[in-house]
Amino acid sequence: MKKSSELVSTITDEDHLEFIKDNDYVVIDLWATWCSPCIQMDPIVEDLAERYDGKVNFGRTNIEENSELPSRYGIQSLPSFLFFKNGELVDKERGVLKKDEFEKKLKENFEL
């Protein structure tokens, strides 16, 4: 079994469109090293990536190193989460989410 940190892919400006296109259900976590709420969300994202392994693909983008992706989707606050279903953006969330709130979003957006 993979460790949860291995279940969250590192996504860059160069490969984000391919990652979104290649997977039916995608969540991209946009974060920065200086963002303490982003760091606070890490264990929740990793736990959900483990729980939904094989159903939802999780990616993480450091906005300090990648500016195209946040610009493309109008991200203005961190952390932000983008939900894609079959290549289409279906939801955006921002700020700290409780684990049950995040899981509810997964179920609503991806019919899990």
PDB file of N, CA and C in Angstrom:
ATOM      1  N   MET A   1       0.840  -1.195   0.000  1.00  0.00           N
ATOM      2  CA  MET A   1       0.000   0.000   0.000  1.00  0.00           C
ATOM      3  C   MET A   1       0.879   1.250   0.000  1.00  0.00           C
ATOM      4  N   LYS A   2       0.501   2.223  -0.780  1.00  0.00           N
ATOM      5  CA  LYS A   2       1.271   3.467  -0.859  1.00  0.00           C
ATOM      6  C   LYS A   2       1.058   4.300   0.391  1.00  0.00           C
ATOM      7  N   LYS A   3       2.102   5.032   0.782  1.00  0.00           N
ATOM      8  CA  LYS A   3       1.934   6.010   1.860  1.00  0.00           C
ATOM      9  C   LYS A   3       1.074   7.145   1.316  1.00  0.00           C
ATOM     10  N   SER A   4       0.327   7.778   2.213  1.00  0.00           N
ATOM     11  CA  SER A   4      -0.582   8.827   1.766  1.00  0.00           C
ATOM     12  C   SER A   4       0.147   9.951   1.041  1.00  0.00           C
ATOM     13  N   SER A   5       1.375  10.284   1.460  1.00  0.00           N
ATOM     14  CA  SER A   5       2.107  11.366   0.800  1.00  0.00           C
ATOM     15  C   SER A   5       2.454  11.004  -0.643  1.00  0.00           C
ATOM     16  N   GLU A   6       2.513   9.696  -0.954  1.00  0.00           N
ATOM     17  CA  GLU A   6       2.783   9.263  -2.326  1.00  0.00           C
ATOM     18  C   GLU A   6       1.520   9.307  -3.171  1.00  0.00           C
ATOM     19  N   LEU A   7       0.372   9.429  -2.531  1.00  0.00           N
ATOM     20  CA  LEU A   7      -0.906   9.450  -3.248  1.00  0.00           C
ATOM     21  C   LEU A   7      -1.294  10.849  -3.704  1.00  0.00           C
ATOM     22  N   VAL A   8      -0.547  11.856  -3.261  1.00  0.00           N
ATOM     23  CA  VAL A   8      -0.804  13.239  -3.670  1.00  0.00           C
ATOM     24  C   VAL A   8       0.325  13.636  -4.620  1.00  0.00           C
ATOM     25  N   SER A   9      -0.015  13.769  -5.895  1.00  0.00           N
ATOM     26  CA  SER A   9       0.983  14.081  -6.923  1.00  0.00           C
ATOM     27  C   SER A   9       1.383  15.546  -6.872  1.00  0.00           C
ATOM     28  N   THR A  10       2.633  15.813  -7.198  1.00  0.00           N
ATOM     29  CA  THR A  10       3.080  17.194  -7.350  1.00  0.00           C
ATOM     30  C   THR A  10       2.719  17.641  -8.759  1.00  0.00           C
ATOM     31  N   ILE A  11       1.952  18.712  -8.847  1.00  0.00           N
ATOM     32  CA  ILE A  11       1.452  19.207 -10.135  1.00  0.00           C
ATOM     33  C   ILE A  11       2.128  20.540 -10.446  1.00  0.00           C
ATOM     34  N   THR A  12       2.529  20.703 -11.709  1.00  0.00           N
ATOM     35  CA  THR A  12       3.203  21.938 -12.131  1.00  0.00           C
ATOM     36  C   THR A  12       2.405  22.611 -13.247  1.00  0.00           C
ATOM     37  N   ASP A  13       2.821  23.819 -13.601  1.00  0.00           N
ATOM     38  CA  ASP A  13       2.207  24.514 -14.732  1.00  0.00           C
ATOM     39  C   ASP A  13       2.294  23.669 -16.003  1.00  0.00           C
ATOM     40  N   GLU A  14       3.399  22.933 -16.156  1.00  0.00           N
ATOM     41  CA  GLU A  14       3.637  22.159 -17.371  1.00  0.00           C
ATOM     42  C   GLU A  14       2.747  20.928 -17.478  1.00  0.00           C
ATOM     43  N   ASP A  15       2.390  20.308 -16.346  1.00  0.00           N
ATOM     44  CA  ASP A  15       1.684  19.027 -16.446  1.00  0.00           C
ATOM     45  C   ASP A  15       0.254  19.038 -15.895  1.00  0.00           C
ATOM     46  N   HIS A  16      -0.248  20.191 -15.436  1.00  0.00           N
ATOM     47  CA  HIS A  16      -1.573  20.171 -14.802  1.00  0.00           C
ATOM     48  C   HIS A  16      -2.700  19.808 -15.769  1.00  0.00           C
ATOM     49  N   LEU A  17      -2.631  20.278 -17.001  1.00  0.00           N
ATOM     50  CA  LEU A  17      -3.706  19.968 -17.951  1.00  0.00           C
ATOM     51  C   LEU A  17      -3.743  18.472 -18.262  1.00  0.00           C
ATOM     52  N   GLU A  18      -2.584  17.867 -18.391  1.00  0.00           N
ATOM     53  CA  GLU A  18      -2.503  16.424 -18.640  1.00  0.00           C
ATOM     54  C   GLU A  18      -3.050  15.638 -17.443  1.00  0.00           C
ATOM     55  N   PHE A  19      -2.693  16.059 -16.232  1.00  0.00           N
ATOM     56  CA  PHE A  19      -3.176  15.387 -15.016  1.00  0.00           C
ATOM     57  C   PHE A  19      -4.703  15.456 -14.945  1.00  0.00           C
ATOM     58  N   ILE A  20      -5.259  16.611 -15.245  1.00  0.00           N
ATOM     59  CA  ILE A  20      -6.719  16.804 -15.214  1.00  0.00           C
ATOM     60  C   ILE A  20      -7.383  15.952 -16.298  1.00  0.00           C
ATOM     61  N   LYS A  21      -6.799  15.941 -17.488  1.00  0.00           N
ATOM     62  CA  LYS A  21      -7.371  15.209 -18.623  1.00  0.00           C
ATOM     63  C   LYS A  21      -7.282  13.691 -18.427  1.00  0.00           C
ATOM     64  N   ASP A  22      -6.202  13.225 -17.809  1.00  0.00           N
ATOM     65  CA  ASP A  22      -5.950  11.784 -17.681  1.00  0.00           C
ATOM     66  C   ASP A  22      -6.719  11.111 -16.547  1.00  0.00           C
ATOM     67  N   ASN A  23      -7.369  11.875 -15.698  1.00  0.00           N
ATOM     68  CA  ASN A  23      -8.068  11.312 -14.545  1.00  0.00           C
ATOM     69  C   ASN A  23      -9.505  11.826 -14.507  1.00  0.00           C
ATOM     70  N   ASP A  24     -10.435  10.934 -14.190  1.00  0.00           N
ATOM     71  CA  ASP A  24     -11.854  11.320 -14.168  1.00  0.00           C
ATOM     72  C   ASP A  24     -12.165  12.312 -13.052  1.00  0.00           C
ATOM     73  N   TYR A  25     -11.695  12.008 -11.848  1.00  0.00           N
ATOM     74  CA  TYR A  25     -11.967  12.840 -10.669  1.00  0.00           C
ATOM     75  C   TYR A  25     -10.655  13.362 -10.101  1.00  0.00           C
ATOM     76  N   VAL A  26     -10.525  14.679 -10.051  1.00  0.00           N
ATOM     77  CA  VAL A  26      -9.268  15.313  -9.643  1.00  0.00           C
ATOM     78  C   VAL A  26      -9.540  16.420  -8.637  1.00  0.00           C
ATOM     79  N   VAL A  27      -8.706  16.473  -7.591  1.00  0.00           N
ATOM     80  CA  VAL A  27      -8.679  17.608  -6.665  1.00  0.00           C
ATOM     81  C   VAL A  27      -7.260  18.151  -6.695  1.00  0.00           C
ATOM     82  N   ILE A  28      -7.129  19.444  -6.954  1.00  0.00           N
ATOM     83  CA  ILE A  28      -5.812  20.087  -6.903  1.00  0.00           C
ATOM     84  C   ILE A  28      -5.800  21.065  -5.735  1.00  0.00           C
ATOM     85  N   ASP A  29      -4.822  20.862  -4.880  1.00  0.00           N
ATOM     86  CA  ASP A  29      -4.594  21.673  -3.683  1.00  0.00           C
ATOM     87  C   ASP A  29      -3.550  22.725  -4.039  1.00  0.00           C
ATOM     88  N   LEU A  30      -3.923  23.997  -3.997  1.00  0.00           N
ATOM     89  CA  LEU A  30      -2.974  25.082  -4.264  1.00  0.00           C
ATOM     90  C   LEU A  30      -2.495  25.637  -2.932  1.00  0.00           C
ATOM     91  N   TRP A  31      -1.171  25.705  -2.768  1.00  0.00           N
ATOM     92  CA  TRP A  31      -0.594  26.060  -1.479  1.00  0.00           C
ATOM     93  C   TRP A  31       0.705  26.844  -1.671  1.00  0.00           C
ATOM     94  N   ALA A  32       1.260  27.310  -0.557  1.00  0.00           N
ATOM     95  CA  ALA A  32       2.567  27.979  -0.541  1.00  0.00           C
ATOM     96  C   ALA A  32       3.251  27.652   0.783  1.00  0.00           C
ATOM     97  N   THR A  33       4.574  27.685   0.789  1.00  0.00           N
ATOM     98  CA  THR A  33       5.334  27.322   1.995  1.00  0.00           C
ATOM     99  C   THR A  33       5.066  28.269   3.154  1.00  0.00           C
ATOM    100  N   TRP A  34       4.724  29.525   2.860  1.00  0.00           N
ATOM    101  CA  TRP A  34       4.505  30.528   3.916  1.00  0.00           C
ATOM    102  C   TRP A  34       3.073  30.523   4.442  1.00  0.00           C
ATOM    103  N   CYS A  35       2.231  29.669   3.902  1.00  0.00           N
ATOM    104  CA  CYS A  35       0.798  29.655   4.235  1.00  0.00           C
ATOM    105  C   CYS A  35       0.520  28.607   5.321  1.00  0.00           C
ATOM    106  N   SER A  36       0.374  29.055   6.560  1.00  0.00           N
ATOM    107  CA  SER A  36       0.153  28.093   7.649  1.00  0.00           C
ATOM    108  C   SER A  36      -1.183  27.345   7.521  1.00  0.00           C
ATOM    109  N   PRO A  37      -2.286  27.971   7.054  1.00  0.00           N
ATOM    110  CA  PRO A  37      -3.500  27.182   6.837  1.00  0.00           C
ATOM    111  C   PRO A  37      -3.305  26.071   5.790  1.00  0.00           C
ATOM    112  N   CYS A  38      -2.431  26.325   4.803  1.00  0.00           N
ATOM    113  CA  CYS A  38      -2.135  25.303   3.791  1.00  0.00           C
ATOM    114  C   CYS A  38      -1.480  24.094   4.444  1.00  0.00           C
ATOM    115  N   ILE A  39      -0.505  24.363   5.312  1.00  0.00           N
ATOM    116  CA  ILE A  39       0.201  23.292   6.016  1.00  0.00           C
ATOM    117  C   ILE A  39      -0.780  22.544   6.919  1.00  0.00           C
ATOM    118  N   GLN A  40      -1.701  23.265   7.505  1.00  0.00           N
ATOM    119  CA  GLN A  40      -2.727  22.680   8.366  1.00  0.00           C
ATOM    120  C   GLN A  40      -3.609  21.691   7.587  1.00  0.00           C
ATOM    121  N   MET A  41      -3.806  21.937   6.305  1.00  0.00           N
ATOM    122  CA  MET A  41      -4.657  21.075   5.474  1.00  0.00           C
ATOM    123  C   MET A  41      -3.947  19.810   4.989  1.00  0.00           C
ATOM    124  N   ASP A  42      -2.616  19.797   5.038  1.00  0.00           N
ATOM    125  CA  ASP A  42      -1.856  18.654   4.515  1.00  0.00           C
ATOM    126  C   ASP A  42      -2.335  17.293   5.028  1.00  0.00           C
ATOM    127  N   PRO A  43      -2.449  17.101   6.348  1.00  0.00           N
ATOM    128  CA  PRO A  43      -2.865  15.770   6.815  1.00  0.00           C
ATOM    129  C   PRO A  43      -4.277  15.386   6.365  1.00  0.00           C
ATOM    130  N   ILE A  44      -5.147  16.354   6.226  1.00  0.00           N
ATOM    131  CA  ILE A  44      -6.519  16.077   5.774  1.00  0.00           C
ATOM    132  C   ILE A  44      -6.504  15.641   4.317  1.00  0.00           C
ATOM    133  N   VAL A  45      -5.771  16.372   3.484  1.00  0.00           N
ATOM    134  CA  VAL A  45      -5.664  16.032   2.064  1.00  0.00           C
ATOM    135  C   VAL A  45      -5.040  14.639   1.913  1.00  0.00           C
ATOM    136  N   GLU A  46      -3.980  14.374   2.661  1.00  0.00           N
ATOM    137  CA  GLU A  46      -3.312  13.078   2.550  1.00  0.00           C
ATOM    138  C   GLU A  46      -4.206  11.940   3.034  1.00  0.00           C
ATOM    139  N   ASP A  47      -4.959  12.167   4.096  1.00  0.00           N
ATOM    140  CA  ASP A  47      -5.867  11.146   4.600  1.00  0.00           C
ATOM    141  C   ASP A  47      -6.970  10.841   3.584  1.00  0.00           C
ATOM    142  N   LEU A  48      -7.534  11.877   2.981  1.00  0.00           N
ATOM    143  CA  LEU A  48      -8.581  11.671   1.986  1.00  0.00           C
ATOM    144  C   LEU A  48      -8.028  11.041   0.708  1.00  0.00           C
ATOM    145  N   ALA A  49      -6.793  11.374   0.350  1.00  0.00           N
ATOM    146  CA  ALA A  49      -6.156  10.750  -0.815  1.00  0.00           C
ATOM    147  C   ALA A  49      -6.002   9.247  -0.581  1.00  0.00           C
ATOM    148  N   GLU A  50      -5.687   8.879   0.652  1.00  0.00           N
ATOM    149  CA  GLU A  50      -5.555   7.463   0.992  1.00  0.00           C
ATOM    150  C   GLU A  50      -6.933   6.785   0.992  1.00  0.00           C
ATOM    151  N   ARG A  51      -7.900   7.437   1.590  1.00  0.00           N
ATOM    152  CA  ARG A  51      -9.246   6.874   1.691  1.00  0.00           C
ATOM    153  C   ARG A  51      -9.893   6.697   0.309  1.00  0.00           C
ATOM    154  N   TYR A  52      -9.642   7.634  -0.610  1.00  0.00           N
ATOM    155  CA  TYR A  52     -10.270   7.580  -1.930  1.00  0.00           C
ATOM    156  C   TYR A  52      -9.289   7.159  -3.029  1.00  0.00           C
ATOM    157  N   ASP A  53      -8.230   6.464  -2.638  1.00  0.00           N
ATOM    158  CA  ASP A  53      -7.251   5.964  -3.602  1.00  0.00           C
ATOM    159  C   ASP A  53      -7.960   5.077  -4.632  1.00  0.00           C
ATOM    160  N   GLY A  54      -7.705   5.341  -5.905  1.00  0.00           N
ATOM    161  CA  GLY A  54      -8.350   4.572  -6.960  1.00  0.00           C
ATOM    162  C   GLY A  54      -9.651   5.199  -7.439  1.00  0.00           C
ATOM    163  N   LYS A  55     -10.159   6.177  -6.697  1.00  0.00           N
ATOM    164  CA  LYS A  55     -11.408   6.854  -7.081  1.00  0.00           C
ATOM    165  C   LYS A  55     -11.172   8.318  -7.428  1.00  0.00           C
ATOM    166  N   VAL A  56     -10.397   9.007  -6.569  1.00  0.00           N
ATOM    167  CA  VAL A  56     -10.115  10.435  -6.768  1.00  0.00           C
ATOM    168  C   VAL A  56      -8.599  10.614  -6.802  1.00  0.00           C
ATOM    169  N   ASN A  57      -8.130  11.400  -7.758  1.00  0.00           N
ATOM    170  CA  ASN A  57      -6.699  11.689  -7.870  1.00  0.00           C
ATOM    171  C   ASN A  57      -6.429  13.067  -7.285  1.00  0.00           C
ATOM    172  N   PHE A  58      -5.525  13.107  -6.315  1.00  0.00           N
ATOM    173  CA  PHE A  58      -5.174  14.349  -5.641  1.00  0.00           C
ATOM    174  C   PHE A  58      -3.830  14.857  -6.156  1.00  0.00           C
ATOM    175  N   GLY A  59      -3.785  16.173  -6.386  1.00  0.00           N
ATOM    176  CA  GLY A  59      -2.546  16.825  -6.781  1.00  0.00           C
ATOM    177  C   GLY A  59      -2.326  18.056  -5.924  1.00  0.00           C
ATOM    178  N   ARG A  60      -1.075  18.469  -5.843  1.00  0.00           N
ATOM    179  CA  ARG A  60      -0.722  19.631  -5.026  1.00  0.00           C
ATOM    180  C   ARG A  60       0.187  20.532  -5.858  1.00  0.00           C
ATOM    181  N   THR A  61      -0.137  21.829  -5.891  1.00  0.00           N
ATOM    182  CA  THR A  61       0.644  22.808  -6.658  1.00  0.00           C
ATOM    183  C   THR A  61       1.151  23.911  -5.744  1.00  0.00           C
ATOM    184  N   ASN A  62       2.460  24.091  -5.739  1.00  0.00           N
ATOM    185  CA  ASN A  62       3.085  25.183  -4.994  1.00  0.00           C
ATOM    186  C   ASN A  62       3.015  26.432  -5.874  1.00  0.00           C
ATOM    187  N   ILE A  63       2.223  27.419  -5.452  1.00  0.00           N
ATOM    188  CA  ILE A  63       2.013  28.598  -6.299  1.00  0.00           C
ATOM    189  C   ILE A  63       3.255  29.500  -6.374  1.00  0.00           C
ATOM    190  N   GLU A  64       4.205  29.290  -5.466  1.00  0.00           N
ATOM    191  CA  GLU A  64       5.445  30.076  -5.530  1.00  0.00           C
ATOM    192  C   GLU A  64       6.288  29.646  -6.731  1.00  0.00           C
ATOM    193  N   GLU A  65       6.123  28.392  -7.148  1.00  0.00           N
ATOM    194  CA  GLU A  65       6.900  27.847  -8.263  1.00  0.00           C
ATOM    195  C   GLU A  65       6.071  27.744  -9.542  1.00  0.00           C
ATOM    196  N   ASN A  66       4.759  27.861  -9.407  1.00  0.00           N
ATOM    197  CA  ASN A  66       3.856  27.693 -10.553  1.00  0.00           C
ATOM    198  C   ASN A  66       2.792  28.786 -10.518  1.00  0.00           C
ATOM    199  N   SER A  67       2.859  29.720 -11.464  1.00  0.00           N
ATOM    200  CA  SER A  67       1.916  30.843 -11.450  1.00  0.00           C
ATOM    201  C   SER A  67       0.797  30.710 -12.480  1.00  0.00           C
ATOM    202  N   GLU A  68       0.998  29.885 -13.500  1.00  0.00           N
ATOM    203  CA  GLU A  68      -0.008  29.779 -14.561  1.00  0.00           C
ATOM    204  C   GLU A  68      -1.297  29.142 -14.050  1.00  0.00           C
ATOM    205  N   LEU A  69      -1.192  28.066 -13.312  1.00  0.00           N
ATOM    206  CA  LEU A  69      -2.375  27.353 -12.841  1.00  0.00           C
ATOM    207  C   LEU A  69      -3.255  28.227 -11.951  1.00  0.00           C
ATOM    208  N   PRO A  70      -2.715  28.883 -10.907  1.00  0.00           N
ATOM    209  CA  PRO A  70      -3.588  29.751 -10.108  1.00  0.00           C
ATOM    210  C   PRO A  70      -4.158  30.919 -10.909  1.00  0.00           C
ATOM    211  N   SER A  71      -3.391  31.437 -11.842  1.00  0.00           N
ATOM    212  CA  SER A  71      -3.868  32.538 -12.672  1.00  0.00           C
ATOM    213  C   SER A  71      -5.014  32.066 -13.580  1.00  0.00           C
ATOM    214  N   ARG A  72      -4.861  30.907 -14.177  1.00  0.00           N
ATOM    215  CA  ARG A  72      -5.871  30.351 -15.080  1.00  0.00           C
ATOM    216  C   ARG A  72      -7.223  30.175 -14.392  1.00  0.00           C
ATOM    217  N   TYR A  73      -7.196  29.802 -13.099  1.00  0.00           N
ATOM    218  CA  TYR A  73      -8.438  29.515 -12.385  1.00  0.00           C
ATOM    219  C   TYR A  73      -8.827  30.602 -11.377  1.00  0.00           C
ATOM    220  N   GLY A  74      -8.186  31.768 -11.468  1.00  0.00           N
ATOM    221  CA  GLY A  74      -8.583  32.917 -10.657  1.00  0.00           C
ATOM    222  C   GLY A  74      -8.398  32.721  -9.157  1.00  0.00           C
ATOM    223  N   ILE A  75      -7.344  32.032  -8.784  1.00  0.00           N
ATOM    224  CA  ILE A  75      -7.080  31.776  -7.368  1.00  0.00           C
ATOM    225  C   ILE A  75      -6.499  33.033  -6.732  1.00  0.00           C
ATOM    226  N   GLN A  76      -7.164  33.516  -5.678  1.00  0.00           N
ATOM    227  CA  GLN A  76      -6.708  34.732  -5.010  1.00  0.00           C
ATOM    228  C   GLN A  76      -6.446  34.535  -3.526  1.00  0.00           C
ATOM    229  N   SER A  77      -6.760  33.351  -2.998  1.00  0.00           N
ATOM    230  CA  SER A  77      -6.472  33.098  -1.584  1.00  0.00           C
ATOM    231  C   SER A  77      -6.057  31.639  -1.403  1.00  0.00           C
ATOM    232  N   LEU A  78      -5.337  31.405  -0.341  1.00  0.00           N
ATOM    233  CA  LEU A  78      -4.818  30.071  -0.047  1.00  0.00           C
ATOM    234  C   LEU A  78      -5.270  29.621   1.335  1.00  0.00           C
ATOM    235  N   PRO A  79      -5.397  28.318   1.518  1.00  0.00           N
ATOM    236  CA  PRO A  79      -5.344  27.301   0.469  1.00  0.00           C
ATOM    237  C   PRO A  79      -6.604  27.365  -0.390  1.00  0.00           C
ATOM    238  N   SER A  80      -6.452  26.877  -1.614  1.00  0.00           N
ATOM    239  CA  SER A  80      -7.599  26.741  -2.507  1.00  0.00           C
ATOM    240  C   SER A  80      -7.587  25.336  -3.081  1.00  0.00           C
ATOM    241  N   PHE A  81      -8.780  24.834  -3.369  1.00  0.00           N
ATOM    242  CA  PHE A  81      -8.933  23.482  -3.888  1.00  0.00           C
ATOM    243  C   PHE A  81      -9.807  23.526  -5.126  1.00  0.00           C
ATOM    244  N   LEU A  82      -9.312  22.921  -6.200  1.00  0.00           N
ATOM    245  CA  LEU A  82     -10.048  22.857  -7.456  1.00  0.00           C
ATOM    246  C   LEU A  82     -10.534  21.428  -7.655  1.00  0.00           C
ATOM    247  N   PHE A  83     -11.805  21.266  -7.983  1.00  0.00           N
ATOM    248  CA  PHE A  83     -12.409  19.956  -8.204  1.00  0.00           C
ATOM    249  C   PHE A  83     -12.739  19.827  -9.691  1.00  0.00           C
ATOM    250  N   PHE A  84     -12.171  18.808 -10.333  1.00  0.00           N
ATOM    251  CA  PHE A  84     -12.405  18.571 -11.756  1.00  0.00           C
ATOM    252  C   PHE A  84     -13.075  17.219 -11.952  1.00  0.00           C
ATOM    253  N   LYS A  85     -14.104  17.222 -12.772  1.00  0.00           N
ATOM    254  CA  LYS A  85     -14.795  15.980 -13.126  1.00  0.00           C
ATOM    255  C   LYS A  85     -14.747  15.850 -14.640  1.00  0.00           C
ATOM    256  N   ASN A  86     -14.132  14.770 -15.107  1.00  0.00           N
ATOM    257  CA  ASN A  86     -14.002  14.517 -16.552  1.00  0.00           C
ATOM    258  C   ASN A  86     -13.414  15.723 -17.291  1.00  0.00           C
ATOM    259  N   GLY A  87     -12.392  16.328 -16.697  1.00  0.00           N
ATOM    260  CA  GLY A  87     -11.680  17.428 -17.342  1.00  0.00           C
ATOM    261  C   GLY A  87     -12.282  18.805 -17.145  1.00  0.00           C
ATOM    262  N   GLU A  88     -13.466  18.883 -16.528  1.00  0.00           N
ATOM    263  CA  GLU A  88     -14.139  20.166 -16.333  1.00  0.00           C
ATOM    264  C   GLU A  88     -14.077  20.604 -14.877  1.00  0.00           C
ATOM    265  N   LEU A  89     -13.805  21.875 -14.647  1.00  0.00           N
ATOM    266  CA  LEU A  89     -13.843  22.425 -13.293  1.00  0.00           C
ATOM    267  C   LEU A  89     -15.292  22.439 -12.821  1.00  0.00           C
ATOM    268  N   VAL A  90     -15.578  21.753 -11.711  1.00  0.00           N
ATOM    269  CA  VAL A  90     -16.954  21.682 -11.215  1.00  0.00           C
ATOM    270  C   VAL A  90     -17.136  22.394  -9.875  1.00  0.00           C
ATOM    271  N   ASP A  91     -16.029  22.686  -9.182  1.00  0.00           N
ATOM    272  CA  ASP A  91     -16.155  23.355  -7.882  1.00  0.00           C
ATOM    273  C   ASP A  91     -14.807  23.944  -7.489  1.00  0.00           C
ATOM    274  N   LYS A  92     -14.871  24.990  -6.663  1.00  0.00           N
ATOM    275  CA  LYS A  92     -13.689  25.633  -6.086  1.00  0.00           C
ATOM    276  C   LYS A  92     -13.990  25.865  -4.625  1.00  0.00           C
ATOM    277  N   GLU A  93     -13.046  25.549  -3.781  1.00  0.00           N
ATOM    278  CA  GLU A  93     -13.174  25.847  -2.354  1.00  0.00           C
ATOM    279  C   GLU A  93     -11.918  26.572  -1.927  1.00  0.00           C
ATOM    280  N   ARG A  94     -12.065  27.400  -0.895  1.00  0.00           N
ATOM    281  CA  ARG A  94     -10.872  28.089  -0.380  1.00  0.00           C
ATOM    282  C   ARG A  94     -10.931  28.106   1.132  1.00  0.00           C
ATOM    283  N   GLY A  95      -9.759  28.210   1.710  1.00  0.00           N
ATOM    284  CA  GLY A  95      -9.663  28.251   3.160  1.00  0.00           C
ATOM    285  C   GLY A  95      -9.576  26.862   3.769  1.00  0.00           C
ATOM    286  N   VAL A  96      -9.498  26.856   5.082  1.00  0.00           N
ATOM    287  CA  VAL A  96      -9.384  25.598   5.819  1.00  0.00           C
ATOM    288  C   VAL A  96     -10.749  24.917   5.857  1.00  0.00           C
ATOM    289  N   LEU A  97     -10.762  23.646   5.490  1.00  0.00           N
ATOM    290  CA  LEU A  97     -11.977  22.840   5.546  1.00  0.00           C
ATOM    291  C   LEU A  97     -11.784  21.746   6.590  1.00  0.00           C
ATOM    292  N   LYS A  98     -12.823  21.471   7.350  1.00  0.00           N
ATOM    293  CA  LYS A  98     -12.772  20.320   8.243  1.00  0.00           C
ATOM    294  C   LYS A  98     -12.823  19.077   7.366  1.00  0.00           C
ATOM    295  N   LYS A  99     -12.293  17.992   7.898  1.00  0.00           N
ATOM    296  CA  LYS A  99     -12.236  16.759   7.111  1.00  0.00           C
ATOM    297  C   LYS A  99     -13.616  16.328   6.617  1.00  0.00           C
ATOM    298  N   ASP A 100     -14.622  16.395   7.469  1.00  0.00           N
ATOM    299  CA  ASP A 100     -15.964  15.966   7.045  1.00  0.00           C
ATOM    300  C   ASP A 100     -16.540  16.903   5.984  1.00  0.00           C
ATOM    301  N   GLU A 101     -16.212  18.208   6.056  1.00  0.00           N
ATOM    302  CA  GLU A 101     -16.669  19.160   5.037  1.00  0.00           C
ATOM    303  C   GLU A 101     -16.017  18.835   3.682  1.00  0.00           C
ATOM    304  N   PHE A 102     -14.714  18.538   3.734  1.00  0.00           N
ATOM    305  CA  PHE A 102     -13.965  18.219   2.522  1.00  0.00           C
ATOM    306  C   PHE A 102     -14.522  16.930   1.906  1.00  0.00           C
ATOM    307  N   GLU A 103     -14.768  15.947   2.745  1.00  0.00           N
ATOM    308  CA  GLU A 103     -15.289  14.672   2.260  1.00  0.00           C
ATOM    309  C   GLU A 103     -16.683  14.851   1.644  1.00  0.00           C
ATOM    310  N   LYS A 104     -17.488  15.698   2.239  1.00  0.00           N
ATOM    311  CA  LYS A 104     -18.823  15.996   1.692  1.00  0.00           C
ATOM    312  C   LYS A 104     -18.696  16.592   0.291  1.00  0.00           C
ATOM    313  N   LYS A 105     -17.725  17.496   0.101  1.00  0.00           N
ATOM    314  CA  LYS A 105     -17.474  18.095  -1.216  1.00  0.00           C
ATOM    315  C   LYS A 105     -17.080  17.017  -2.234  1.00  0.00           C
ATOM    316  N   LEU A 106     -16.253  16.071  -1.815  1.00  0.00           N
ATOM    317  CA  LEU A 106     -15.861  14.977  -2.710  1.00  0.00           C
ATOM    318  C   LEU A 106     -17.090  14.189  -3.145  1.00  0.00           C
ATOM    319  N   LYS A 107     -17.919  13.856  -2.182  1.00  0.00           N
ATOM    320  CA  LYS A 107     -19.112  13.057  -2.489  1.00  0.00           C
ATOM    321  C   LYS A 107     -20.089  13.812  -3.383  1.00  0.00           C
ATOM    322  N   GLU A 108     -20.272  15.102  -3.127  1.00  0.00           N
ATOM    323  CA  GLU A 108     -21.184  15.916  -3.935  1.00  0.00           C
ATOM    324  C   GLU A 108     -20.673  16.063  -5.381  1.00  0.00           C
ATOM    325  N   ASN A 109     -19.381  16.361  -5.502  1.00  0.00           N
ATOM    326  CA  ASN A 109     -18.834  16.659  -6.824  1.00  0.00           C
ATOM    327  C   ASN A 109     -18.557  15.417  -7.663  1.00  0.00           C
ATOM    328  N   PHE A 110     -18.283  14.296  -6.997  1.00  0.00           N
ATOM    329  CA  PHE A 110     -17.868  13.105  -7.739  1.00  0.00           C
ATOM    330  C   PHE A 110     -18.827  11.927  -7.585  1.00  0.00           C
ATOM    331  N   GLU A 111     -19.993  12.154  -6.999  1.00  0.00           N
ATOM    332  CA  GLU A 111     -21.004  11.114  -6.868  1.00  0.00           C
ATOM    333  C   GLU A 111     -20.435   9.846  -6.255  1.00  0.00           C
ATOM    334  N   LEU A 112     -19.700   9.995  -5.175  1.00  0.00           N
ATOM    335  CA  LEU A 112     -19.087   8.842  -4.495  1.00  0.00           C
ATOM    336  C   LEU A 112     -20.016   8.264  -3.448  1.00  0.00           C
TER     337      LEU A 112
END
